[in-house]
Amino acid sequence: MGLPARIALGIALACVSTLVARTAFEICYRSGFYPEVWFADLTMGVLSNHLAFWLLLCVTAFAVWIALEIAARRWLRAPVNPMLVVPQKSDDKFGIPTLTQYSPPVPSGLYTREWVLVYNPSNPRGRKNLSFKEDGTIGYGRNHNEWRWSYANDHLDIWMKDNRLHNRFKYDPPSGRFHSTNDLEMHGLVKNQVIYQGKV
């Protein structure tokens, strides 16, 4: 809302507030109660009935105006569009992209299905449950090596807590598995890791 519209709204609310306050006084009069007389008596004659009337009227009108102003601000507040919300930056200094539900498509079921990471193919017990959260972090199985993830160009990258690339996987649609690409830029010591659907 522009400044002229806000000024016009403020004037209108002030007029309505005065009318409401005056109406409240009329209701009191019809009930046999005279607020200005009561207030003047309360001040032990320091204020006249006329001055007490205008003071009470101003205070009442101001209170009503404040209430109407607060209600108007809440009513005119623009609704928040979640598509336009810019996520707040955290204190962590990560240079990799953070994925959300509005990020480029990922393989079906990446967020919802259960996954197993075979982090040591030479050891039958070298596997653990893994889950991928939509904010780009690892859910189950998160540690300093598997800290965050990103997906681009059909590659799933697993990032370490210190922002180094731990492992890179290529998705295989027929098997529904991710196979390590064993790229030289990876800092993971174990090669040929696999991620598949399931549970340990």
Protein backbone atom coordinates (compact mmCIF):
# COMPACT_ATOMS: atom_id res chain seq x y z
CA MET A 1 0.00 0.00 0.00
CA GLY A 2 1.36 3.41 -1.01
CA LEU A 3 1.84 6.41 1.28
CA PRO A 4 -1.29 8.35 0.09
CA ALA A 5 -3.45 5.28 0.66
CA ARG A 6 -1.98 4.82 4.14
CA ILE A 7 -2.69 8.47 5.02
CA ALA A 8 -6.26 8.16 3.75
CA LEU A 9 -6.74 4.97 5.74
CA GLY A 10 -5.36 6.62 8.88
CA ILE A 11 -7.77 9.57 8.54
CA ALA A 12 -10.70 7.22 7.97
CA LEU A 13 -9.78 5.15 11.01
CA ALA A 14 -9.47 8.30 13.14
CA CYS A 15 -12.97 9.43 12.10
CA VAL A 16 -14.43 5.99 12.78
CA SER A 17 -12.67 5.88 16.16
CA THR A 18 -14.13 9.24 17.19
CA LEU A 19 -17.60 8.12 16.11
CA VAL A 20 -17.27 4.86 18.05
CA ALA A 21 -16.09 6.71 21.17
CA ARG A 22 -18.96 9.22 20.93
CA THR A 23 -21.43 6.37 20.49
CA ALA A 24 -20.01 4.69 23.60
CA PHE A 25 -20.66 7.89 25.57
CA GLU A 26 -24.26 8.04 24.30
CA ILE A 27 -24.79 4.44 25.41
CA CYS A 28 -23.46 5.36 28.86
CA TYR A 29 -25.82 8.35 29.02
CA ARG A 30 -28.83 6.20 28.14
CA SER A 31 -27.79 3.81 30.90
CA GLY A 32 -27.76 6.62 33.43
CA PHE A 33 -23.97 6.79 33.75
CA TYR A 34 -22.09 10.03 32.99
CA PRO A 35 -18.38 9.26 32.51
CA GLU A 36 -17.22 12.89 32.57
CA VAL A 37 -18.99 13.57 35.88
CA TRP A 38 -17.46 10.43 37.38
CA PHE A 39 -13.99 11.42 36.14
CA ALA A 40 -14.35 15.02 37.37
CA ASP A 41 -15.40 13.77 40.80
CA LEU A 42 -12.46 11.36 40.76
CA THR A 43 -10.09 14.32 40.37
CA MET A 44 -11.76 16.02 43.34
CA GLY A 45 -12.89 18.99 41.28
CA VAL A 46 -9.54 19.72 39.60
CA LEU A 47 -11.16 19.08 36.21
CA SER A 48 -14.47 20.50 35.13
CA ASN A 49 -17.13 18.26 33.64
CA HIS A 50 -16.52 19.80 30.22
CA LEU A 51 -12.76 19.23 30.30
CA ALA A 52 -13.22 15.74 31.72
CA PHE A 53 -15.59 14.94 28.83
CA TRP A 54 -13.05 15.91 26.17
CA LEU A 55 -10.19 14.10 27.90
CA LEU A 56 -12.17 10.87 28.18
CA LEU A 57 -13.40 11.19 24.61
CA CYS A 58 -9.86 11.65 23.28
CA VAL A 59 -8.47 8.74 25.30
CA THR A 60 -11.32 6.44 24.23
CA ALA A 61 -11.03 7.48 20.58
CA PHE A 62 -7.27 6.96 20.64
CA ALA A 63 -7.65 3.46 22.15
CA VAL A 64 -10.22 2.53 19.50
CA TRP A 65 -7.97 3.95 16.76
CA ILE A 66 -5.01 1.87 17.94
CA ALA A 67 -7.16 -1.29 17.93
CA LEU A 68 -8.47 -0.54 14.42
CA GLU A 69 -4.98 0.28 13.15
CA ILE A 70 -3.61 -3.05 14.38
CA ALA A 71 -6.56 -4.92 12.85
CA ALA A 72 -6.13 -3.08 9.53
CA ARG A 73 -2.42 -3.83 9.35
CA ARG A 74 -3.04 -7.53 9.92
CA TRP A 75 -5.84 -7.59 7.36
CA LEU A 76 -3.84 -5.76 4.69
CA ARG A 77 -0.66 -7.73 5.24
CA ALA A 78 0.24 -9.50 1.97
CA PRO A 79 0.17 -13.31 2.17
CA VAL A 80 3.55 -14.98 1.96
CA ASN A 81 4.12 -16.99 -1.19
CA PRO A 82 6.32 -19.99 -0.29
CA MET A 83 7.66 -20.04 -3.86
CA LEU A 84 9.16 -16.58 -3.31
CA VAL A 85 10.69 -17.16 0.11
CA VAL A 86 14.48 -16.85 0.04
CA PRO A 87 16.02 -19.30 2.50
CA GLN A 88 18.16 -17.72 5.20
CA LYS A 89 21.86 -18.34 5.01
CA SER A 90 23.36 -20.29 7.85
CA ASP A 91 26.71 -19.70 9.49
CA ASP A 92 28.18 -22.72 7.72
CA LYS A 93 30.47 -21.79 4.82
CA PHE A 94 29.33 -24.30 2.21
CA GLY A 95 29.99 -23.64 -1.42
CA ILE A 96 27.89 -26.49 -2.82
CA PRO A 97 24.29 -26.01 -3.95
CA THR A 98 21.48 -26.60 -1.47
CA LEU A 99 18.60 -28.56 -2.94
CA THR A 100 14.97 -27.93 -2.00
CA GLN A 101 11.66 -29.19 -3.29
CA TYR A 102 12.01 -26.64 -6.12
CA SER A 103 15.39 -27.96 -7.25
CA PRO A 104 15.97 -29.77 -10.56
CA PRO A 105 14.46 -33.26 -10.75
CA VAL A 106 16.21 -36.12 -8.98
CA PRO A 107 15.71 -39.87 -9.47
CA SER A 108 12.28 -41.04 -8.38
CA GLY A 109 12.07 -41.98 -4.73
CA LEU A 110 15.32 -40.32 -3.69
CA TYR A 111 13.57 -38.47 -0.85
CA THR A 112 10.96 -41.04 0.10
CA ARG A 113 12.57 -44.46 -0.27
CA GLU A 114 15.02 -46.16 2.06
CA TRP A 115 18.60 -46.44 0.81
CA VAL A 116 21.68 -48.40 1.80
CA LEU A 117 25.21 -47.14 1.31
CA VAL A 118 27.84 -49.83 0.79
CA TYR A 119 30.78 -47.81 2.07
CA ASN A 120 33.17 -50.81 2.20
CA PRO A 121 32.45 -53.34 -0.55
CA SER A 122 35.15 -55.71 0.75
CA ASN A 123 33.41 -56.05 4.12
CA PRO A 124 29.92 -57.65 4.24
CA ARG A 125 29.14 -55.47 7.26
CA GLY A 126 30.44 -52.28 5.63
CA ARG A 127 27.04 -50.79 4.89
CA LYS A 128 24.55 -48.46 6.56
CA ASN A 129 21.13 -46.89 6.09
CA LEU A 130 21.08 -43.58 4.26
CA SER A 131 18.41 -40.97 3.56
CA PHE A 132 18.39 -37.76 1.55
CA LYS A 133 16.62 -34.65 2.84
CA GLU A 134 15.19 -32.09 0.46
CA ASP A 135 17.30 -29.28 1.92
CA GLY A 136 20.45 -30.96 0.57
CA THR A 137 21.58 -32.60 3.80
CA ILE A 138 21.97 -36.26 4.70
CA GLY A 139 19.36 -37.61 7.12
CA TYR A 140 20.02 -41.15 8.33
CA GLY A 141 23.67 -42.13 8.23
CA ARG A 142 24.99 -38.60 8.44
CA ASN A 143 28.59 -38.21 9.62
CA HIS A 144 31.66 -36.13 8.75
CA ASN A 145 32.11 -38.01 5.47
CA GLU A 146 28.48 -38.16 4.37
CA TRP A 147 27.34 -34.68 5.40
CA ARG A 148 25.54 -33.10 2.44
CA TRP A 149 24.54 -34.04 -1.08
CA SER A 150 23.82 -32.46 -4.44
CA TYR A 151 22.53 -33.78 -7.76
CA ALA A 152 23.44 -32.45 -11.20
CA ASN A 153 24.09 -33.91 -14.66
CA ASP A 154 22.82 -37.34 -13.50
CA HIS A 155 25.50 -37.45 -10.83
CA LEU A 156 24.90 -37.68 -7.10
CA ASP A 157 27.69 -36.00 -5.16
CA ILE A 158 28.25 -36.71 -1.47
CA TRP A 159 30.07 -33.93 0.35
CA MET A 160 32.10 -34.03 3.54
CA LYS A 161 31.52 -31.64 6.44
CA ASP A 162 34.61 -29.64 5.48
CA ASN A 163 33.11 -29.10 1.99
CA ARG A 164 35.34 -31.59 0.16
CA LEU A 165 33.83 -34.01 -2.36
CA HIS A 166 33.74 -37.40 -0.65
CA ASN A 167 32.22 -39.49 -3.44
CA ARG A 168 30.43 -39.16 -6.75
CA PHE A 169 27.84 -41.61 -7.99
CA LYS A 170 26.23 -42.23 -11.35
CA TYR A 171 22.59 -43.34 -11.35
CA ASP A 172 21.74 -46.56 -13.18
CA PRO A 173 17.98 -46.48 -14.01
CA PRO A 174 17.57 -50.20 -14.87
CA SER A 175 18.91 -51.32 -11.49
CA GLY A 176 17.81 -48.26 -9.53
CA ARG A 177 21.30 -48.06 -8.02
CA PHE A 178 23.99 -45.44 -7.73
CA HIS A 179 27.49 -46.62 -8.59
CA SER A 180 30.63 -44.72 -7.62
CA THR A 181 32.42 -43.11 -10.57
CA ASN A 182 35.76 -43.31 -8.69
CA ASP A 183 36.72 -39.85 -9.95
CA LEU A 184 40.20 -38.64 -9.09
CA GLU A 185 38.83 -35.47 -7.47
CA MET A 186 37.05 -37.50 -4.78
CA HIS A 187 38.54 -37.55 -1.29
CA GLY A 188 36.93 -40.80 -0.20
CA LEU A 189 39.51 -43.55 0.33
CA VAL A 190 37.22 -46.47 -0.51
CA LYS A 191 36.38 -47.06 -4.18
CA ASN A 192 33.46 -48.82 -5.86
CA GLN A 193 30.87 -47.77 -3.31
CA VAL A 194 27.22 -48.43 -4.14
CA ILE A 195 23.91 -46.97 -3.01
CA TYR A 196 20.82 -49.13 -3.47
CA GLN A 197 17.24 -49.22 -2.27
CA GLY A 198 16.68 -51.23 0.87
CA LYS A 199 17.40 -51.34 4.56
CA VAL A 200 20.21 -52.83 6.60
